[in-house]
Amino acid sequence: MTPVWPLALYAAAVIALVAAMLAASWLLGQRHVERATDDPYESGVASTGGARLRLSVGFYTVAVAFVVFDLEAVFLFAWAIAAPELGWAGYAEAMVFVGVLVCALVYLWRRHTLEWGIAGRPALAHRER
């Protein structure tokens, strides 16, 4: 049975380090309250307007497609590492996997999901008016 005390010692050291950094920040940090202290300020530009911004659904569909294809690339990297042990059966399964990916890409392409704006979608421009 593997001893657990190194893990417990490491966890205690991490908790002690975090507590020490928080305490040092609280002790050494500035304490002042001014009128503009609580105002949002980012990148040297004062904020204007609200944080609610209406975006086109195209942004979300492209983001979801990116996440899906990015995760599929991770699976293919894992397959490439284990390819010698998987043999021909693993190769066939990877080719089915890549085939499904190609079908998904063709579907997105034919639906004009990867194109931006109405100018980039001439076949759908008359339906969106």
C-alpha atoms as a PDB file:
ATOM      1  CA  MET A   1       0.000   0.000   0.000  1.00  0.00           C
ATOM      2  CA  THR A   2       1.312   3.426  -0.964  1.00  0.00           C
ATOM      3  CA  PRO A   3       1.787   5.914   1.877  1.00  0.00           C
ATOM      4  CA  VAL A   4      -0.555   8.897   1.795  1.00  0.00           C
ATOM      5  CA  TRP A   5       1.520  11.206   3.985  1.00  0.00           C
ATOM      6  CA  PRO A   6       3.428  12.859   1.057  1.00  0.00           C
ATOM      7  CA  LEU A   7       0.133  13.901  -0.516  1.00  0.00           C
ATOM      8  CA  ALA A   8      -1.182  15.185   2.811  1.00  0.00           C
ATOM      9  CA  LEU A   9       2.065  17.090   3.415  1.00  0.00           C
ATOM     10  CA  TYR A  10       1.857  18.633  -0.062  1.00  0.00           C
ATOM     11  CA  ALA A  11      -1.797  19.627   0.442  1.00  0.00           C
ATOM     12  CA  ALA A  12      -0.962  21.203   3.803  1.00  0.00           C
ATOM     13  CA  ALA A  13       1.947  23.125   2.254  1.00  0.00           C
ATOM     14  CA  VAL A  14      -0.278  24.423  -0.547  1.00  0.00           C
ATOM     15  CA  ILE A  15      -2.991  25.510   1.894  1.00  0.00           C
ATOM     16  CA  ALA A  16      -0.389  27.211   4.120  1.00  0.00           C
ATOM     17  CA  LEU A  17       1.130  29.017   1.129  1.00  0.00           C
ATOM     18  CA  VAL A  18      -2.248  30.255  -0.076  1.00  0.00           C
ATOM     19  CA  ALA A  19      -3.185  31.400   3.422  1.00  0.00           C
ATOM     20  CA  ALA A  20       0.166  33.208   3.779  1.00  0.00           C
ATOM     21  CA  MET A  21      -0.281  35.010   0.447  1.00  0.00           C
ATOM     22  CA  LEU A  22      -3.833  36.063   1.339  1.00  0.00           C
ATOM     23  CA  ALA A  23      -2.716  37.302   4.756  1.00  0.00           C
ATOM     24  CA  ALA A  24       0.208  39.239   3.249  1.00  0.00           C
ATOM     25  CA  SER A  25      -2.105  40.806   0.682  1.00  0.00           C
ATOM     26  CA  TRP A  26      -4.547  41.834   3.387  1.00  0.00           C
ATOM     27  CA  LEU A  27      -1.805  43.229   5.626  1.00  0.00           C
ATOM     28  CA  LEU A  28       0.185  45.039   2.943  1.00  0.00           C
ATOM     29  CA  GLY A  29      -2.663  46.106   0.677  1.00  0.00           C
ATOM     30  CA  GLN A  30      -3.913  49.665   0.373  1.00  0.00           C
ATOM     31  CA  ARG A  31      -7.021  50.653   2.252  1.00  0.00           C
ATOM     32  CA  HIS A  32      -8.702  53.690   0.825  1.00  0.00           C
ATOM     33  CA  VAL A  33     -12.237  54.461  -0.160  1.00  0.00           C
ATOM     34  CA  GLU A  34     -12.756  57.012  -2.865  1.00  0.00           C
ATOM     35  CA  ARG A  35     -15.690  57.923  -5.011  1.00  0.00           C
ATOM     36  CA  ALA A  36     -14.399  56.118  -8.136  1.00  0.00           C
ATOM     37  CA  THR A  37     -12.900  53.086  -6.379  1.00  0.00           C
ATOM     38  CA  ASP A  38     -15.816  50.785  -7.187  1.00  0.00           C
ATOM     39  CA  ASP A  39     -16.286  51.902 -10.797  1.00  0.00           C
ATOM     40  CA  PRO A  40     -15.369  49.329 -13.458  1.00  0.00           C
ATOM     41  CA  TYR A  41     -12.190  50.249 -15.352  1.00  0.00           C
ATOM     42  CA  GLU A  42     -10.451  48.074 -17.879  1.00  0.00           C
ATOM     43  CA  SER A  43      -7.478  48.566 -20.179  1.00  0.00           C
ATOM     44  CA  GLY A  44      -7.264  52.273 -19.433  1.00  0.00           C
ATOM     45  CA  VAL A  45     -10.743  53.000 -20.762  1.00  0.00           C
ATOM     46  CA  ALA A  46     -13.676  53.919 -18.557  1.00  0.00           C
ATOM     47  CA  SER A  47     -16.710  51.750 -19.310  1.00  0.00           C
ATOM     48  CA  THR A  48     -19.670  53.185 -21.152  1.00  0.00           C
ATOM     49  CA  GLY A  49     -23.039  51.546 -21.395  1.00  0.00           C
ATOM     50  CA  GLY A  50     -24.131  48.228 -19.986  1.00  0.00           C
ATOM     51  CA  ALA A  51     -22.485  44.849 -20.098  1.00  0.00           C
ATOM     52  CA  ARG A  52     -25.420  43.317 -21.962  1.00  0.00           C
ATOM     53  CA  LEU A  53     -24.576  43.065 -25.649  1.00  0.00           C
ATOM     54  CA  ARG A  54     -26.759  41.338 -28.187  1.00  0.00           C
ATOM     55  CA  LEU A  55     -24.709  39.191 -30.527  1.00  0.00           C
ATOM     56  CA  SER A  56     -25.750  37.365 -33.641  1.00  0.00           C
ATOM     57  CA  VAL A  57     -26.371  33.650 -33.327  1.00  0.00           C
ATOM     58  CA  GLY A  58     -23.598  33.189 -35.893  1.00  0.00           C
ATOM     59  CA  PHE A  59     -21.004  33.905 -33.230  1.00  0.00           C
ATOM     60  CA  TYR A  60     -22.341  31.091 -31.079  1.00  0.00           C
ATOM     61  CA  THR A  61     -22.630  28.537 -33.861  1.00  0.00           C
ATOM     62  CA  VAL A  62     -19.041  29.167 -34.962  1.00  0.00           C
ATOM     63  CA  ALA A  63     -17.884  28.947 -31.324  1.00  0.00           C
ATOM     64  CA  VAL A  64     -19.669  25.617 -30.828  1.00  0.00           C
ATOM     65  CA  ALA A  65     -18.233  24.260 -34.086  1.00  0.00           C
ATOM     66  CA  PHE A  66     -14.757  25.356 -32.995  1.00  0.00           C
ATOM     67  CA  VAL A  67     -15.116  23.621 -29.628  1.00  0.00           C
ATOM     68  CA  VAL A  68     -16.381  20.419 -31.248  1.00  0.00           C
ATOM     69  CA  PHE A  69     -13.558  20.245 -33.790  1.00  0.00           C
ATOM     70  CA  ASP A  70     -10.973  21.239 -31.182  1.00  0.00           C
ATOM     71  CA  LEU A  71     -12.034  18.387 -28.905  1.00  0.00           C
ATOM     72  CA  GLU A  72     -11.987  15.998 -31.828  1.00  0.00           C
ATOM     73  CA  ALA A  73      -8.374  17.000 -32.493  1.00  0.00           C
ATOM     74  CA  VAL A  74      -7.535  16.110 -28.881  1.00  0.00           C
ATOM     75  CA  PHE A  75      -9.034  12.659 -29.391  1.00  0.00           C
ATOM     76  CA  LEU A  76      -7.011  12.195 -32.577  1.00  0.00           C
ATOM     77  CA  PHE A  77      -3.789  13.156 -30.775  1.00  0.00           C
ATOM     78  CA  ALA A  78      -4.533  10.550 -28.120  1.00  0.00           C
ATOM     79  CA  TRP A  79      -5.204   7.988 -30.859  1.00  0.00           C
ATOM     80  CA  ALA A  80      -1.910   8.874 -32.568  1.00  0.00           C
ATOM     81  CA  ILE A  81      -0.010   8.193 -29.351  1.00  0.00           C
ATOM     82  CA  ALA A  82      -1.717   4.840 -28.819  1.00  0.00           C
ATOM     83  CA  ALA A  83      -1.770   3.828 -32.512  1.00  0.00           C
ATOM     84  CA  PRO A  84       0.956   1.139 -32.322  1.00  0.00           C
ATOM     85  CA  GLU A  85      -0.915  -0.733 -29.588  1.00  0.00           C
ATOM     86  CA  LEU A  86      -4.337  -0.384 -31.256  1.00  0.00           C
ATOM     87  CA  GLY A  87      -3.435  -2.064 -34.532  1.00  0.00           C
ATOM     88  CA  TRP A  88      -5.696  -2.178 -37.562  1.00  0.00           C
ATOM     89  CA  ALA A  89      -8.896  -2.191 -35.513  1.00  0.00           C
ATOM     90  CA  GLY A  90      -7.897   1.109 -33.928  1.00  0.00           C
ATOM     91  CA  TYR A  91      -6.999   2.488 -37.356  1.00  0.00           C
ATOM     92  CA  ALA A  92     -10.412   1.538 -38.754  1.00  0.00           C
ATOM     93  CA  GLU A  93     -12.186   3.152 -35.809  1.00  0.00           C
ATOM     94  CA  ALA A  94     -10.119   6.323 -36.231  1.00  0.00           C
ATOM     95  CA  MET A  95     -11.041   6.452 -39.922  1.00  0.00           C
ATOM     96  CA  VAL A  96     -14.746   6.138 -39.016  1.00  0.00           C
ATOM     97  CA  PHE A  97     -14.217   8.956 -36.526  1.00  0.00           C
ATOM     98  CA  VAL A  98     -12.536  11.149 -39.162  1.00  0.00           C
ATOM     99  CA  GLY A  99     -15.349  10.284 -41.592  1.00  0.00           C
ATOM    100  CA  VAL A 100     -17.935  11.541 -39.111  1.00  0.00           C
ATOM    101  CA  LEU A 101     -15.872  14.724 -38.716  1.00  0.00           C
ATOM    102  CA  VAL A 102     -15.749  15.240 -42.468  1.00  0.00           C
ATOM    103  CA  CYS A 103     -19.525  14.735 -42.684  1.00  0.00           C
ATOM    104  CA  ALA A 104     -20.020  17.329 -39.932  1.00  0.00           C
ATOM    105  CA  LEU A 105     -17.748  19.784 -41.740  1.00  0.00           C
ATOM    106  CA  VAL A 106     -19.595  19.265 -45.025  1.00  0.00           C
ATOM    107  CA  TYR A 107     -22.899  19.803 -43.207  1.00  0.00           C
ATOM    108  CA  LEU A 108     -21.659  23.061 -41.677  1.00  0.00           C
ATOM    109  CA  TRP A 109     -20.271  24.170 -45.010  1.00  0.00           C
ATOM    110  CA  ARG A 110     -23.515  23.482 -46.886  1.00  0.00           C
ATOM    111  CA  ARG A 111     -25.543  25.269 -44.192  1.00  0.00           C
ATOM    112  CA  HIS A 112     -23.252  28.331 -44.610  1.00  0.00           C
ATOM    113  CA  THR A 113     -22.548  28.265 -40.873  1.00  0.00           C
ATOM    114  CA  LEU A 114     -18.903  29.215 -41.334  1.00  0.00           C
ATOM    115  CA  GLU A 115     -19.654  32.331 -43.423  1.00  0.00           C
ATOM    116  CA  TRP A 116     -20.184  35.766 -41.880  1.00  0.00           C
ATOM    117  CA  GLY A 117     -22.910  38.235 -42.731  1.00  0.00           C
ATOM    118  CA  ILE A 118     -25.583  38.285 -45.400  1.00  0.00           C
ATOM    119  CA  ALA A 119     -23.052  39.277 -48.090  1.00  0.00           C
ATOM    120  CA  GLY A 120     -21.228  36.005 -47.511  1.00  0.00           C
ATOM    121  CA  ARG A 121     -24.479  34.024 -47.822  1.00  0.00           C
ATOM    122  CA  PRO A 122     -25.988  34.849 -51.233  1.00  0.00           C
ATOM    123  CA  ALA A 123     -28.281  31.811 -51.308  1.00  0.00           C
ATOM    124  CA  LEU A 124     -29.926  32.765 -48.002  1.00  0.00           C
ATOM    125  CA  ALA A 125     -30.044  36.567 -48.458  1.00  0.00           C
ATOM    126  CA  HIS A 126     -33.538  36.607 -49.971  1.00  0.00           C
ATOM    127  CA  ARG A 127     -35.035  34.530 -47.098  1.00  0.00           C
ATOM    128  CA  GLU A 128     -33.729  36.784 -44.300  1.00  0.00           C
ATOM    129  CA  ARG A 129     -35.547  39.930 -45.434  1.00  0.00           C
END
